[in-house]
Amino acid sequence: MNYYRKNFTTAAVMLTSLLSLIACDQTSNQADGSGFIQTEATDTVSAVLGSSVSFSNSKISVDEGEQFTLKVLANDFSKSEGGAITLNFKPELLQATSVNIDSSIWDFVSKNGQIDNAKGTVSDILFSSYKGVSGDAVIATIEFKSINKGSSNISIEKSSANPFASNGEIMTVTFVNTNVTSN
């Protein structure tokens, strides 16, 4: 009986440790002064792993009425089978016009997501590769149009549609936002 109790205790300690690691995957929300919420990663685990998703430009300046393109990039992926993201932006300043997944890289299952310009979201952009992707890669190309003057963050967050995975395990990813100024 002591043998089983000892193994049960060991398993409980291992499970508690695993849950503590999962709990490290937290984010903090911070207002940017305009009422728009910007998400910043505070996860120390992701800083060690280095995997991130960002835009091709950290800042963009456009004229009102102008269209522009941003690439969503996977950076420093050890190896990922894919994941899903959602983008958020100010709908009174920007409109998303199209999303295209890079199917030459993400060749298994992909979904361009759902554009909702009234809410300022492109939700559940899904991308996957059966063989996995390592290093840096383009996830998708997103086209936007500036509809009014002002400034807007475009944020990236993980989508519940499909977690980022590596070798069948959920991976931690840091998300980096961009800022668009329309003149």
C-alpha atoms as a PDB file:
ATOM      1  CA  MET A   1       0.000   0.000   0.000  1.00  0.00           C
ATOM      2  CA  ASN A   2       2.866   2.406   0.783  1.00  0.00           C
ATOM      3  CA  TYR A   3       4.258   1.786  -2.710  1.00  0.00           C
ATOM      4  CA  TYR A   4       1.051   3.069  -4.341  1.00  0.00           C
ATOM      5  CA  ARG A   5       0.744   6.000  -1.913  1.00  0.00           C
ATOM      6  CA  LYS A   6       4.353   7.045  -2.677  1.00  0.00           C
ATOM      7  CA  ASN A   7       3.792   6.843  -6.456  1.00  0.00           C
ATOM      8  CA  PHE A   8       0.484   8.717  -6.161  1.00  0.00           C
ATOM      9  CA  THR A   9       2.237  11.478  -4.187  1.00  0.00           C
ATOM     10  CA  THR A  10       5.023  11.675  -6.787  1.00  0.00           C
ATOM     11  CA  ALA A  11       2.463  11.908  -9.594  1.00  0.00           C
ATOM     12  CA  ALA A  12       0.557  14.642  -7.712  1.00  0.00           C
ATOM     13  CA  VAL A  13       3.776  16.669  -7.260  1.00  0.00           C
ATOM     14  CA  MET A  14       4.589  16.317 -10.985  1.00  0.00           C
ATOM     15  CA  LEU A  15       1.055  17.399 -11.944  1.00  0.00           C
ATOM     16  CA  THR A  16       1.272  20.417  -9.619  1.00  0.00           C
ATOM     17  CA  SER A  17       4.593  21.413 -11.229  1.00  0.00           C
ATOM     18  CA  LEU A  18       3.094  21.084 -14.698  1.00  0.00           C
ATOM     19  CA  LEU A  19       0.091  23.207 -13.721  1.00  0.00           C
ATOM     20  CA  SER A  20       2.454  25.845 -12.318  1.00  0.00           C
ATOM     21  CA  LEU A  21       4.268  26.008 -15.667  1.00  0.00           C
ATOM     22  CA  ILE A  22       0.991  26.351 -17.521  1.00  0.00           C
ATOM     23  CA  ALA A  23      -0.083  29.123 -15.127  1.00  0.00           C
ATOM     24  CA  CYS A  24       3.036  31.073 -16.155  1.00  0.00           C
ATOM     25  CA  ASP A  25       1.386  31.663 -19.548  1.00  0.00           C
ATOM     26  CA  GLN A  26      -0.336  34.869 -18.430  1.00  0.00           C
ATOM     27  CA  THR A  27      -0.793  38.253 -20.091  1.00  0.00           C
ATOM     28  CA  SER A  28      -1.460  41.683 -18.669  1.00  0.00           C
ATOM     29  CA  ASN A  29      -3.789  44.163 -20.294  1.00  0.00           C
ATOM     30  CA  GLN A  30      -2.829  47.811 -20.314  1.00  0.00           C
ATOM     31  CA  ALA A  31      -4.740  50.770 -21.726  1.00  0.00           C
ATOM     32  CA  ASP A  32      -2.834  52.777 -24.333  1.00  0.00           C
ATOM     33  CA  GLY A  33      -4.573  56.034 -23.394  1.00  0.00           C
ATOM     34  CA  SER A  34      -7.269  55.785 -26.061  1.00  0.00           C
ATOM     35  CA  GLY A  35      -9.472  53.162 -24.465  1.00  0.00           C
ATOM     36  CA  PHE A  36      -8.045  50.429 -26.706  1.00  0.00           C
ATOM     37  CA  ILE A  37      -6.540  47.504 -24.823  1.00  0.00           C
ATOM     38  CA  GLN A  38      -3.005  46.488 -25.706  1.00  0.00           C
ATOM     39  CA  THR A  39      -1.811  43.034 -24.685  1.00  0.00           C
ATOM     40  CA  GLU A  40       1.760  42.640 -23.562  1.00  0.00           C
ATOM     41  CA  ALA A  41       3.355  39.297 -22.777  1.00  0.00           C
ATOM     42  CA  THR A  42       4.661  38.866 -19.249  1.00  0.00           C
ATOM     43  CA  ASP A  43       5.534  35.222 -19.596  1.00  0.00           C
ATOM     44  CA  THR A  44       9.091  34.457 -18.495  1.00  0.00           C
ATOM     45  CA  VAL A  45       8.878  31.013 -20.089  1.00  0.00           C
ATOM     46  CA  SER A  46       8.290  32.519 -23.555  1.00  0.00           C
ATOM     47  CA  ALA A  47      11.285  34.819 -23.098  1.00  0.00           C
ATOM     48  CA  VAL A  48      13.433  31.718 -22.643  1.00  0.00           C
ATOM     49  CA  LEU A  49      11.838  29.855 -25.572  1.00  0.00           C
ATOM     50  CA  GLY A  50      11.887  32.877 -27.843  1.00  0.00           C
ATOM     51  CA  SER A  51       8.966  31.927 -30.099  1.00  0.00           C
ATOM     52  CA  SER A  52       6.931  34.971 -31.100  1.00  0.00           C
ATOM     53  CA  VAL A  53       4.368  36.169 -33.608  1.00  0.00           C
ATOM     54  CA  SER A  54       4.720  39.737 -34.875  1.00  0.00           C
ATOM     55  CA  PHE A  55       3.957  42.019 -37.791  1.00  0.00           C
ATOM     56  CA  SER A  56       6.393  42.877 -40.583  1.00  0.00           C
ATOM     57  CA  ASN A  57       6.415  46.528 -39.409  1.00  0.00           C
ATOM     58  CA  SER A  58       6.289  47.800 -35.833  1.00  0.00           C
ATOM     59  CA  LYS A  59       4.990  51.220 -36.930  1.00  0.00           C
ATOM     60  CA  ILE A  60       3.212  52.333 -40.083  1.00  0.00           C
ATOM     61  CA  SER A  61       2.251  55.793 -41.260  1.00  0.00           C
ATOM     62  CA  VAL A  62      -0.377  56.056 -44.021  1.00  0.00           C
ATOM     63  CA  ASP A  63      -2.683  58.670 -45.491  1.00  0.00           C
ATOM     64  CA  GLU A  64      -6.411  58.552 -44.808  1.00  0.00           C
ATOM     65  CA  GLY A  65      -8.058  56.337 -47.435  1.00  0.00           C
ATOM     66  CA  GLU A  66      -4.800  54.497 -48.224  1.00  0.00           C
ATOM     67  CA  GLN A  67      -4.526  50.709 -48.292  1.00  0.00           C
ATOM     68  CA  PHE A  68      -1.542  48.950 -46.733  1.00  0.00           C
ATOM     69  CA  THR A  69      -0.302  45.414 -46.233  1.00  0.00           C
ATOM     70  CA  LEU A  70       1.137  43.760 -43.128  1.00  0.00           C
ATOM     71  CA  LYS A  71       2.675  40.327 -42.945  1.00  0.00           C
ATOM     72  CA  VAL A  72       2.152  38.261 -39.808  1.00  0.00           C
ATOM     73  CA  LEU A  73       5.444  36.537 -38.990  1.00  0.00           C
ATOM     74  CA  ALA A  74       6.441  33.514 -36.925  1.00  0.00           C
ATOM     75  CA  ASN A  75       9.807  34.247 -35.283  1.00  0.00           C
ATOM     76  CA  ASP A  76      12.283  31.802 -33.714  1.00  0.00           C
ATOM     77  CA  PHE A  77       9.958  28.809 -33.801  1.00  0.00           C
ATOM     78  CA  SER A  78      11.820  25.717 -32.623  1.00  0.00           C
ATOM     79  CA  LYS A  79       9.291  23.671 -34.602  1.00  0.00           C
ATOM     80  CA  SER A  80       5.579  24.293 -34.813  1.00  0.00           C
ATOM     81  CA  GLU A  81       2.739  22.458 -36.469  1.00  0.00           C
ATOM     82  CA  GLY A  82       0.807  25.756 -36.405  1.00  0.00           C
ATOM     83  CA  GLY A  83      -1.828  27.539 -34.386  1.00  0.00           C
ATOM     84  CA  ALA A  84      -4.499  30.207 -34.651  1.00  0.00           C
ATOM     85  CA  ILE A  85      -4.554  33.940 -33.997  1.00  0.00           C
ATOM     86  CA  THR A  86      -7.026  36.795 -33.747  1.00  0.00           C
ATOM     87  CA  LEU A  87      -6.263  40.411 -34.691  1.00  0.00           C
ATOM     88  CA  ASN A  88      -7.867  43.442 -33.020  1.00  0.00           C
ATOM     89  CA  PHE A  89      -7.924  47.049 -34.277  1.00  0.00           C
ATOM     90  CA  LYS A  90      -9.982  50.246 -33.988  1.00  0.00           C
ATOM     91  CA  PRO A  91     -12.903  49.851 -36.407  1.00  0.00           C
ATOM     92  CA  GLU A  92     -13.481  53.608 -36.590  1.00  0.00           C
ATOM     93  CA  LEU A  93      -9.967  54.020 -38.070  1.00  0.00           C
ATOM     94  CA  LEU A  94      -9.197  50.808 -39.976  1.00  0.00           C
ATOM     95  CA  GLN A  95     -10.875  48.119 -42.036  1.00  0.00           C
ATOM     96  CA  ALA A  96      -9.394  44.719 -42.843  1.00  0.00           C
ATOM     97  CA  THR A  97      -9.955  43.942 -46.524  1.00  0.00           C
ATOM     98  CA  SER A  98      -8.321  40.524 -46.991  1.00  0.00           C
ATOM     99  CA  VAL A  99      -6.336  37.746 -45.329  1.00  0.00           C
ATOM    100  CA  ASN A 100      -4.157  35.235 -47.164  1.00  0.00           C
ATOM    101  CA  ILE A 101      -2.371  32.352 -45.441  1.00  0.00           C
ATOM    102  CA  ASP A 102       0.998  31.439 -46.974  1.00  0.00           C
ATOM    103  CA  SER A 103       0.001  27.956 -48.204  1.00  0.00           C
ATOM    104  CA  SER A 104       3.512  27.185 -49.447  1.00  0.00           C
ATOM    105  CA  ILE A 105       4.577  27.064 -45.764  1.00  0.00           C
ATOM    106  CA  TRP A 106       1.341  26.205 -43.945  1.00  0.00           C
ATOM    107  CA  ASP A 107       0.372  23.358 -46.249  1.00  0.00           C
ATOM    108  CA  PHE A 108      -1.920  21.213 -44.129  1.00  0.00           C
ATOM    109  CA  VAL A 109      -5.078  22.982 -42.929  1.00  0.00           C
ATOM    110  CA  SER A 110      -5.561  26.730 -43.099  1.00  0.00           C
ATOM    111  CA  LYS A 111      -8.427  29.174 -42.663  1.00  0.00           C
ATOM    112  CA  ASN A 112      -8.236  32.895 -43.472  1.00  0.00           C
ATOM    113  CA  GLY A 113     -10.359  33.775 -40.451  1.00  0.00           C
ATOM    114  CA  GLN A 114     -13.481  35.867 -40.129  1.00  0.00           C
ATOM    115  CA  ILE A 115     -13.230  39.625 -40.812  1.00  0.00           C
ATOM    116  CA  ASP A 116     -15.608  41.714 -38.694  1.00  0.00           C
ATOM    117  CA  ASN A 117     -14.925  45.387 -39.431  1.00  0.00           C
ATOM    118  CA  ALA A 118     -17.817  46.500 -37.197  1.00  0.00           C
ATOM    119  CA  LYS A 119     -16.051  44.978 -34.162  1.00  0.00           C
ATOM    120  CA  GLY A 120     -12.496  45.563 -35.390  1.00  0.00           C
ATOM    121  CA  THR A 121     -11.445  41.908 -35.453  1.00  0.00           C
ATOM    122  CA  VAL A 122     -10.141  39.235 -37.738  1.00  0.00           C
ATOM    123  CA  SER A 123     -10.831  36.116 -35.698  1.00  0.00           C
ATOM    124  CA  ASP A 124      -9.550  32.569 -35.879  1.00  0.00           C
ATOM    125  CA  ILE A 125      -6.858  32.800 -38.561  1.00  0.00           C
ATOM    126  CA  LEU A 126      -5.852  29.120 -38.578  1.00  0.00           C
ATOM    127  CA  PHE A 127      -2.646  27.721 -40.066  1.00  0.00           C
ATOM    128  CA  SER A 128      -0.914  24.354 -39.841  1.00  0.00           C
ATOM    129  CA  SER A 129       1.810  22.256 -41.366  1.00  0.00           C
ATOM    130  CA  TYR A 130       1.911  18.491 -41.126  1.00  0.00           C
ATOM    131  CA  LYS A 131       5.731  18.400 -41.203  1.00  0.00           C
ATOM    132  CA  GLY A 132       6.178  21.435 -38.909  1.00  0.00           C
ATOM    133  CA  VAL A 133       7.856  24.802 -39.465  1.00  0.00           C
ATOM    134  CA  SER A 134      11.107  25.889 -37.810  1.00  0.00           C
ATOM    135  CA  GLY A 135      12.814  29.269 -37.551  1.00  0.00           C
ATOM    136  CA  ASP A 136      11.166  32.314 -39.122  1.00  0.00           C
ATOM    137  CA  ALA A 137       8.213  32.133 -41.518  1.00  0.00           C
ATOM    138  CA  VAL A 138       5.391  34.210 -42.945  1.00  0.00           C
ATOM    139  CA  ILE A 139       2.045  33.130 -41.496  1.00  0.00           C
ATOM    140  CA  ALA A 140      -0.293  35.405 -43.438  1.00  0.00           C
ATOM    141  CA  THR A 141      -0.584  38.645 -45.393  1.00  0.00           C
ATOM    142  CA  ILE A 142      -3.296  41.012 -44.186  1.00  0.00           C
ATOM    143  CA  GLU A 143      -4.546  44.008 -46.183  1.00  0.00           C
ATOM    144  CA  PHE A 144      -6.046  47.002 -44.381  1.00  0.00           C
ATOM    145  CA  LYS A 145      -7.547  50.313 -45.400  1.00  0.00           C
ATOM    146  CA  SER A 146      -7.297  53.515 -43.365  1.00  0.00           C
ATOM    147  CA  ILE A 147     -10.790  55.053 -43.204  1.00  0.00           C
ATOM    148  CA  ASN A 148     -10.167  57.994 -40.807  1.00  0.00           C
ATOM    149  CA  LYS A 149      -7.306  59.990 -39.337  1.00  0.00           C
ATOM    150  CA  GLY A 150      -5.872  58.830 -36.027  1.00  0.00           C
ATOM    151  CA  SER A 151      -3.755  56.122 -34.456  1.00  0.00           C
ATOM    152  CA  SER A 152      -4.564  52.471 -33.799  1.00  0.00           C
ATOM    153  CA  ASN A 153      -2.737  49.497 -32.388  1.00  0.00           C
ATOM    154  CA  ILE A 154      -3.256  46.289 -34.264  1.00  0.00           C
ATOM    155  CA  SER A 155      -2.840  43.519 -31.729  1.00  0.00           C
ATOM    156  CA  ILE A 156      -2.313  39.795 -32.131  1.00  0.00           C
ATOM    157  CA  GLU A 157      -3.561  37.283 -29.612  1.00  0.00           C
ATOM    158  CA  LYS A 158      -3.885  33.535 -29.507  1.00  0.00           C
ATOM    159  CA  SER A 159      -7.188  32.169 -30.689  1.00  0.00           C
ATOM    160  CA  SER A 160      -9.041  29.431 -28.893  1.00  0.00           C
ATOM    161  CA  ALA A 161      -9.679  27.793 -32.289  1.00  0.00           C
ATOM    162  CA  ASN A 162      -6.317  26.016 -32.241  1.00  0.00           C
ATOM    163  CA  PRO A 163      -3.435  26.425 -29.758  1.00  0.00           C
ATOM    164  CA  PHE A 164       0.137  26.757 -31.002  1.00  0.00           C
ATOM    165  CA  ALA A 165       1.716  23.314 -30.934  1.00  0.00           C
ATOM    166  CA  SER A 166       5.124  21.700 -31.286  1.00  0.00           C
ATOM    167  CA  ASN A 167       5.500  17.940 -31.462  1.00  0.00           C
ATOM    168  CA  GLY A 168       1.926  17.560 -30.234  1.00  0.00           C
ATOM    169  CA  GLU A 169       2.526  19.769 -27.165  1.00  0.00           C
ATOM    170  CA  ILE A 170       1.091  23.238 -26.582  1.00  0.00           C
ATOM    171  CA  MET A 171       3.828  25.840 -27.002  1.00  0.00           C
ATOM    172  CA  THR A 172       4.190  29.276 -25.465  1.00  0.00           C
ATOM    173  CA  VAL A 173       4.274  32.184 -27.894  1.00  0.00           C
ATOM    174  CA  THR A 174       4.797  35.915 -27.305  1.00  0.00           C
ATOM    175  CA  PHE A 175       2.686  38.305 -29.393  1.00  0.00           C
ATOM    176  CA  VAL A 176       4.055  41.655 -30.619  1.00  0.00           C
ATOM    177  CA  ASN A 177       1.663  44.413 -31.740  1.00  0.00           C
ATOM    178  CA  THR A 178       2.062  47.211 -34.277  1.00  0.00           C
ATOM    179  CA  ASN A 179       0.871  50.809 -34.439  1.00  0.00           C
ATOM    180  CA  VAL A 180      -0.730  52.504 -37.457  1.00  0.00           C
ATOM    181  CA  THR A 181      -0.998  56.281 -37.774  1.00  0.00           C
ATOM    182  CA  SER A 182      -3.311  57.674 -40.444  1.00  0.00           C
ATOM    183  CA  ASN A 183      -2.715  61.277 -41.501  1.00  0.00           C
END
